[in-house]
N, C-alpha and C. Protein backbone atom coordinates (compact mmCIF):
# COMPACT_ATOMS: atom_id res chain seq x y z
N MET A 1 0.84 -1.17 0.00
CA MET A 1 0.00 0.00 0.00
C MET A 1 0.89 1.24 0.00
N LYS A 2 0.63 2.12 -0.93
CA LYS A 2 1.37 3.37 -0.99
C LYS A 2 0.85 4.29 0.12
N LYS A 3 1.75 4.80 0.93
CA LYS A 3 1.34 5.66 2.05
C LYS A 3 1.09 7.07 1.55
N ARG A 4 0.00 7.65 2.07
CA ARG A 4 -0.34 9.02 1.74
C ARG A 4 -0.72 9.77 3.02
N THR A 5 -0.69 11.06 2.94
CA THR A 5 -1.11 11.91 4.05
C THR A 5 -2.57 12.27 3.85
N ALA A 6 -3.38 12.14 4.91
CA ALA A 6 -4.79 12.51 4.86
C ALA A 6 -4.97 13.88 5.51
N ILE A 7 -5.60 14.78 4.79
CA ILE A 7 -5.88 16.12 5.30
C ILE A 7 -7.39 16.32 5.27
N VAL A 8 -7.97 16.57 6.44
CA VAL A 8 -9.42 16.79 6.55
C VAL A 8 -9.61 18.15 7.21
N ASN A 9 -10.30 19.06 6.51
CA ASN A 9 -10.51 20.40 7.06
C ASN A 9 -11.49 20.40 8.23
N THR A 10 -12.66 19.77 8.04
CA THR A 10 -13.72 19.83 9.05
C THR A 10 -14.43 18.50 9.16
N ILE A 11 -14.66 18.06 10.40
CA ILE A 11 -15.43 16.84 10.65
C ILE A 11 -16.49 17.15 11.69
N TYR A 12 -17.73 16.81 11.37
CA TYR A 12 -18.83 16.90 12.33
C TYR A 12 -19.35 15.50 12.57
N THR A 13 -19.42 15.08 13.82
CA THR A 13 -19.97 13.77 14.14
C THR A 13 -20.79 13.87 15.41
N THR A 14 -21.83 13.05 15.48
CA THR A 14 -22.71 13.04 16.64
C THR A 14 -22.34 11.92 17.59
N SER A 15 -22.08 10.72 17.05
CA SER A 15 -21.87 9.57 17.93
C SER A 15 -20.93 8.56 17.29
N ILE A 16 -19.97 8.08 18.09
CA ILE A 16 -19.10 6.97 17.71
C ILE A 16 -19.10 6.03 18.90
N ALA A 17 -19.55 4.77 18.69
CA ALA A 17 -19.72 3.89 19.85
C ALA A 17 -19.58 2.42 19.47
N ASN A 18 -19.52 1.58 20.50
CA ASN A 18 -19.62 0.12 20.37
C ASN A 18 -18.63 -0.49 19.39
N SER A 19 -17.37 -0.45 19.71
CA SER A 19 -16.32 -1.09 18.91
C SER A 19 -16.19 -0.50 17.51
N SER A 20 -16.47 0.78 17.38
CA SER A 20 -16.36 1.45 16.09
C SER A 20 -15.03 2.20 16.00
N ILE A 21 -14.63 2.48 14.77
CA ILE A 21 -13.35 3.16 14.54
C ILE A 21 -13.58 4.35 13.63
N PHE A 22 -13.03 5.47 14.01
CA PHE A 22 -13.02 6.68 13.19
C PHE A 22 -11.55 6.97 12.93
N SER A 23 -11.11 6.78 11.70
CA SER A 23 -9.68 6.82 11.41
C SER A 23 -9.37 7.80 10.29
N ILE A 24 -8.36 8.60 10.52
CA ILE A 24 -7.85 9.47 9.47
C ILE A 24 -6.41 9.06 9.23
N GLY A 25 -6.13 8.61 8.01
CA GLY A 25 -4.79 8.14 7.67
C GLY A 25 -4.83 6.68 7.27
N ASP A 26 -3.69 6.16 6.88
CA ASP A 26 -3.59 4.78 6.42
C ASP A 26 -3.53 3.81 7.60
N THR A 27 -4.13 2.65 7.41
CA THR A 27 -4.17 1.62 8.44
C THR A 27 -3.84 0.29 7.79
N HIS A 28 -3.00 -0.49 8.43
CA HIS A 28 -2.69 -1.81 7.89
C HIS A 28 -3.82 -2.78 8.18
N THR A 29 -4.16 -2.97 9.45
CA THR A 29 -5.17 -3.96 9.84
C THR A 29 -6.17 -3.35 10.81
N ILE A 30 -7.45 -3.60 10.54
CA ILE A 30 -8.52 -3.22 11.45
C ILE A 30 -9.24 -4.50 11.83
N ASN A 31 -9.31 -4.78 13.13
CA ASN A 31 -9.98 -5.99 13.63
C ASN A 31 -10.83 -5.59 14.82
N GLN A 32 -12.14 -5.69 14.68
CA GLN A 32 -13.00 -5.25 15.76
C GLN A 32 -14.15 -6.22 15.99
N LYS A 33 -14.60 -6.28 17.23
CA LYS A 33 -15.69 -7.17 17.60
C LYS A 33 -16.63 -6.44 18.54
N SER A 34 -17.92 -6.72 18.39
CA SER A 34 -18.92 -6.11 19.25
C SER A 34 -19.98 -7.15 19.59
N LYS A 35 -20.29 -7.26 20.88
CA LYS A 35 -21.39 -8.12 21.32
C LYS A 35 -22.33 -7.24 22.14
N ALA A 36 -23.65 -7.37 21.88
CA ALA A 36 -24.61 -6.55 22.62
C ALA A 36 -25.92 -7.29 22.78
N ILE A 37 -26.54 -7.06 23.92
CA ILE A 37 -27.91 -7.52 24.16
C ILE A 37 -28.72 -6.26 24.41
N ALA A 38 -29.78 -6.10 23.63
CA ALA A 38 -30.65 -4.93 23.79
C ALA A 38 -32.00 -5.40 24.32
N LEU A 39 -32.45 -4.77 25.38
CA LEU A 39 -33.73 -5.12 25.99
C LEU A 39 -34.58 -3.87 26.07
N GLN A 40 -35.71 -3.90 25.38
CA GLN A 40 -36.68 -2.82 25.47
C GLN A 40 -37.89 -3.36 26.21
N LYS A 41 -38.28 -2.64 27.24
CA LYS A 41 -39.38 -3.12 28.07
C LYS A 41 -40.43 -2.02 28.17
N GLU A 42 -41.65 -2.38 27.85
CA GLU A 42 -42.75 -1.43 27.89
C GLU A 42 -43.31 -1.37 29.32
N GLY A 43 -43.52 -0.18 29.82
CA GLY A 43 -44.19 -0.04 31.10
C GLY A 43 -43.27 -0.03 32.30
N GLU A 44 -43.26 -1.14 33.03
CA GLU A 44 -42.57 -1.21 34.33
C GLU A 44 -41.09 -0.89 34.25
N LYS A 45 -40.53 -0.69 35.43
CA LYS A 45 -39.08 -0.49 35.53
C LYS A 45 -38.38 -1.83 35.39
N PHE A 46 -37.11 -1.78 35.08
CA PHE A 46 -36.32 -3.01 34.97
C PHE A 46 -36.07 -3.58 36.36
N LYS A 47 -36.08 -4.92 36.42
CA LYS A 47 -35.85 -5.63 37.69
C LYS A 47 -34.61 -6.50 37.54
N GLN A 48 -34.13 -7.02 38.66
CA GLN A 48 -32.98 -7.92 38.65
C GLN A 48 -33.25 -9.14 37.76
N THR A 49 -34.49 -9.59 37.70
CA THR A 49 -34.84 -10.77 36.89
C THR A 49 -34.78 -10.48 35.39
N ASP A 50 -34.66 -9.22 35.02
CA ASP A 50 -34.55 -8.86 33.60
C ASP A 50 -33.12 -8.98 33.07
N ASN A 51 -32.15 -9.27 33.93
CA ASN A 51 -30.76 -9.38 33.49
C ASN A 51 -30.62 -10.48 32.44
N LEU A 52 -29.87 -10.18 31.40
CA LEU A 52 -29.62 -11.13 30.31
C LEU A 52 -28.11 -11.30 30.18
N TYR A 53 -27.67 -12.54 29.86
CA TYR A 53 -26.24 -12.85 29.82
C TYR A 53 -25.85 -13.46 28.47
N PHE A 54 -24.68 -13.08 27.97
CA PHE A 54 -24.19 -13.59 26.68
C PHE A 54 -24.16 -15.11 26.65
N LYS A 55 -23.76 -15.74 27.75
CA LYS A 55 -23.59 -17.20 27.79
C LYS A 55 -24.90 -17.95 27.55
N ASP A 56 -26.03 -17.27 27.70
CA ASP A 56 -27.33 -17.92 27.54
C ASP A 56 -27.83 -17.96 26.10
N TYR A 57 -27.11 -17.38 25.16
CA TYR A 57 -27.60 -17.27 23.78
C TYR A 57 -26.55 -17.78 22.80
N ASP A 58 -26.98 -18.70 21.92
CA ASP A 58 -26.09 -19.35 20.96
C ASP A 58 -25.39 -18.38 20.02
N ILE A 59 -26.05 -17.29 19.67
CA ILE A 59 -25.45 -16.34 18.72
C ILE A 59 -24.07 -15.85 19.19
N PHE A 60 -23.87 -15.79 20.50
CA PHE A 60 -22.60 -15.31 21.04
C PHE A 60 -21.57 -16.42 21.21
N LYS A 61 -22.00 -17.69 21.07
CA LYS A 61 -21.09 -18.83 21.21
C LYS A 61 -20.56 -19.31 19.85
N GLN A 62 -21.30 -19.03 18.79
CA GLN A 62 -20.93 -19.53 17.47
C GLN A 62 -19.66 -18.86 16.96
N LYS A 63 -18.87 -19.65 16.23
CA LYS A 63 -17.67 -19.10 15.59
C LYS A 63 -18.10 -18.28 14.38
N ALA A 64 -17.38 -17.21 14.15
CA ALA A 64 -17.66 -16.39 12.97
C ALA A 64 -17.30 -17.17 11.71
N VAL A 65 -18.10 -17.03 10.68
CA VAL A 65 -17.83 -17.67 9.40
C VAL A 65 -17.27 -16.61 8.46
N TRP A 66 -16.01 -16.79 8.09
CA TRP A 66 -15.34 -15.82 7.23
C TRP A 66 -15.16 -16.41 5.84
N LEU A 67 -15.12 -15.57 4.85
CA LEU A 67 -14.84 -16.00 3.49
C LEU A 67 -13.41 -16.51 3.41
N ASN A 68 -13.18 -17.55 2.63
CA ASN A 68 -11.82 -18.08 2.48
C ASN A 68 -10.90 -17.10 1.77
N SER A 69 -11.43 -16.42 0.80
CA SER A 69 -10.63 -15.42 0.10
C SER A 69 -11.52 -14.20 -0.15
N PRO A 70 -10.92 -13.05 -0.24
CA PRO A 70 -11.71 -11.85 -0.46
C PRO A 70 -12.48 -11.90 -1.77
N SER A 71 -13.71 -11.46 -1.74
CA SER A 71 -14.51 -11.38 -2.96
C SER A 71 -14.06 -10.17 -3.77
N VAL A 72 -13.97 -10.34 -5.06
CA VAL A 72 -13.60 -9.24 -5.93
C VAL A 72 -14.89 -8.71 -6.55
N VAL A 73 -15.29 -7.53 -6.15
CA VAL A 73 -16.50 -6.94 -6.69
C VAL A 73 -16.18 -6.21 -7.98
N ASN A 74 -15.15 -5.41 -7.94
CA ASN A 74 -14.75 -4.65 -9.11
C ASN A 74 -13.24 -4.47 -9.03
N GLN A 75 -12.55 -4.90 -10.04
CA GLN A 75 -11.10 -4.81 -10.02
C GLN A 75 -10.66 -3.69 -10.95
N TYR A 76 -9.84 -2.80 -10.42
CA TYR A 76 -9.34 -1.70 -11.22
C TYR A 76 -8.00 -1.24 -10.67
N LYS A 77 -7.28 -0.54 -11.49
CA LYS A 77 -5.97 -0.03 -11.06
C LYS A 77 -6.11 1.47 -10.81
N VAL A 78 -5.58 1.89 -9.68
CA VAL A 78 -5.65 3.30 -9.31
C VAL A 78 -4.23 3.86 -9.32
N CYS A 79 -4.08 4.96 -9.97
CA CYS A 79 -2.78 5.64 -9.98
C CYS A 79 -2.95 6.93 -9.19
N ASN A 80 -2.37 6.97 -8.01
CA ASN A 80 -2.47 8.15 -7.16
C ASN A 80 -1.34 9.12 -7.51
N HIS A 81 -1.69 10.18 -8.19
CA HIS A 81 -0.67 11.14 -8.61
C HIS A 81 -0.23 12.04 -7.46
N ALA A 82 -1.11 12.22 -6.49
CA ALA A 82 -0.77 13.07 -5.34
C ALA A 82 -0.50 12.17 -4.13
N ASN A 83 0.36 12.62 -3.26
CA ASN A 83 0.65 11.83 -2.07
C ASN A 83 -0.19 12.28 -0.88
N THR A 84 -1.30 12.98 -1.17
CA THR A 84 -2.23 13.38 -0.11
C THR A 84 -3.67 13.06 -0.50
N ILE A 85 -4.47 12.78 0.52
CA ILE A 85 -5.92 12.67 0.36
C ILE A 85 -6.47 13.92 1.03
N HIS A 86 -7.15 14.75 0.27
CA HIS A 86 -7.66 16.00 0.83
C HIS A 86 -9.19 15.96 0.82
N VAL A 87 -9.77 16.11 2.00
CA VAL A 87 -11.23 16.12 2.16
C VAL A 87 -11.61 17.45 2.78
N HIS A 88 -12.56 18.14 2.16
CA HIS A 88 -12.95 19.45 2.69
C HIS A 88 -13.80 19.31 3.95
N GLN A 89 -14.91 18.55 3.86
CA GLN A 89 -15.80 18.45 5.02
C GLN A 89 -16.48 17.09 5.06
N VAL A 90 -16.66 16.56 6.27
CA VAL A 90 -17.34 15.29 6.48
C VAL A 90 -18.42 15.50 7.54
N ASN A 91 -19.64 15.05 7.25
CA ASN A 91 -20.74 15.06 8.22
C ASN A 91 -21.15 13.62 8.48
N VAL A 92 -20.98 13.17 9.72
CA VAL A 92 -21.32 11.80 10.10
C VAL A 92 -22.34 11.86 11.23
N THR A 93 -23.47 11.17 11.04
CA THR A 93 -24.46 11.11 12.11
C THR A 93 -24.02 10.14 13.18
N ALA A 94 -23.71 8.89 12.79
CA ALA A 94 -23.31 7.90 13.78
C ALA A 94 -22.48 6.80 13.15
N VAL A 95 -21.54 6.28 13.93
CA VAL A 95 -20.74 5.11 13.57
C VAL A 95 -20.87 4.17 14.75
N SER A 96 -21.43 2.96 14.52
CA SER A 96 -21.71 2.09 15.66
C SER A 96 -21.66 0.62 15.29
N LEU A 97 -21.52 -0.23 16.29
CA LEU A 97 -21.52 -1.69 16.18
C LEU A 97 -20.53 -2.23 15.15
N SER A 98 -19.26 -2.14 15.48
CA SER A 98 -18.18 -2.69 14.66
C SER A 98 -18.16 -2.13 13.24
N SER A 99 -18.31 -0.84 13.11
CA SER A 99 -18.23 -0.23 11.78
C SER A 99 -17.01 0.70 11.73
N VAL A 100 -16.63 1.05 10.51
CA VAL A 100 -15.42 1.85 10.31
C VAL A 100 -15.75 3.05 9.44
N PHE A 101 -15.30 4.21 9.86
CA PHE A 101 -15.27 5.38 8.99
C PHE A 101 -13.80 5.73 8.83
N GLN A 102 -13.33 5.77 7.60
CA GLN A 102 -11.90 6.00 7.39
C GLN A 102 -11.66 6.91 6.21
N VAL A 103 -10.77 7.87 6.41
CA VAL A 103 -10.24 8.67 5.32
C VAL A 103 -8.81 8.18 5.14
N GLY A 104 -8.58 7.38 4.12
CA GLY A 104 -7.27 6.78 3.90
C GLY A 104 -7.42 5.35 3.42
N ASN A 105 -6.31 4.63 3.38
CA ASN A 105 -6.28 3.24 2.91
C ASN A 105 -6.34 2.28 4.09
N ALA A 106 -6.87 1.09 3.82
CA ALA A 106 -6.83 -0.01 4.79
C ALA A 106 -6.53 -1.29 4.02
N ASP A 107 -5.51 -2.02 4.45
CA ASP A 107 -5.18 -3.29 3.79
C ASP A 107 -6.18 -4.38 4.14
N GLU A 108 -6.48 -4.52 5.42
CA GLU A 108 -7.38 -5.59 5.87
C GLU A 108 -8.36 -5.04 6.90
N ILE A 109 -9.64 -5.39 6.72
CA ILE A 109 -10.66 -5.04 7.70
C ILE A 109 -11.44 -6.29 8.06
N SER A 110 -11.54 -6.57 9.35
CA SER A 110 -12.30 -7.71 9.85
C SER A 110 -13.21 -7.18 10.95
N ALA A 111 -14.52 -7.33 10.79
CA ALA A 111 -15.46 -6.82 11.79
C ALA A 111 -16.53 -7.88 12.07
N ASP A 112 -16.81 -8.07 13.36
CA ASP A 112 -17.80 -9.05 13.80
C ASP A 112 -18.73 -8.36 14.79
N SER A 113 -20.00 -8.25 14.43
CA SER A 113 -20.97 -7.60 15.31
C SER A 113 -22.13 -8.54 15.54
N ARG A 114 -22.46 -8.76 16.81
CA ARG A 114 -23.56 -9.65 17.16
C ARG A 114 -24.49 -8.93 18.13
N LEU A 115 -25.78 -8.93 17.78
CA LEU A 115 -26.78 -8.24 18.58
C LEU A 115 -28.00 -9.13 18.77
N LYS A 116 -28.38 -9.33 20.00
CA LYS A 116 -29.61 -10.06 20.34
C LYS A 116 -30.56 -9.02 20.91
N HIS A 117 -31.72 -8.86 20.27
CA HIS A 117 -32.64 -7.78 20.64
C HIS A 117 -33.94 -8.38 21.17
N PHE A 118 -34.37 -7.90 22.34
CA PHE A 118 -35.62 -8.35 22.95
C PHE A 118 -36.54 -7.16 23.14
N ARG A 119 -37.84 -7.40 22.94
CA ARG A 119 -38.87 -6.42 23.26
C ARG A 119 -39.89 -7.11 24.15
N ILE A 120 -40.09 -6.57 25.33
CA ILE A 120 -41.09 -7.12 26.25
C ILE A 120 -42.25 -6.14 26.27
N LEU A 121 -43.40 -6.60 25.75
CA LEU A 121 -44.58 -5.74 25.66
C LEU A 121 -45.57 -6.08 26.76
N GLN A 122 -46.31 -5.08 27.20
CA GLN A 122 -47.35 -5.31 28.20
C GLN A 122 -48.52 -6.03 27.54
N GLU A 123 -49.18 -6.86 28.33
CA GLU A 123 -50.38 -7.53 27.82
C GLU A 123 -51.52 -6.54 27.81
N ASP A 124 -52.42 -6.68 26.83
CA ASP A 124 -53.58 -5.78 26.74
C ASP A 124 -54.63 -6.11 27.76
């Protein structure tokens, strides 16, 4: 990877969370993992009995299934005549759950995000 300098004049962002990366510049390897349990409960307050644990759900025990080789979506040759990446302005609302926002190059990106979501509704 040819190294370049990244120049960003202005960045506005609201939220970066949960194993996310906001990167300016070149990166060799990005490897991130996120596990989350989301519980939405209608009505009452949360109680001790509402606690949920990763060990109780198979989604968090399973091994990640990765492609054996990278998929080629579109192959092309890029000739970078300048040794800088110049970005005037970036507006980002949110970067979350093992996602990447990057101005620059990345050789390898590996991201694993697992979310188990529960909604407990009141009976009518």
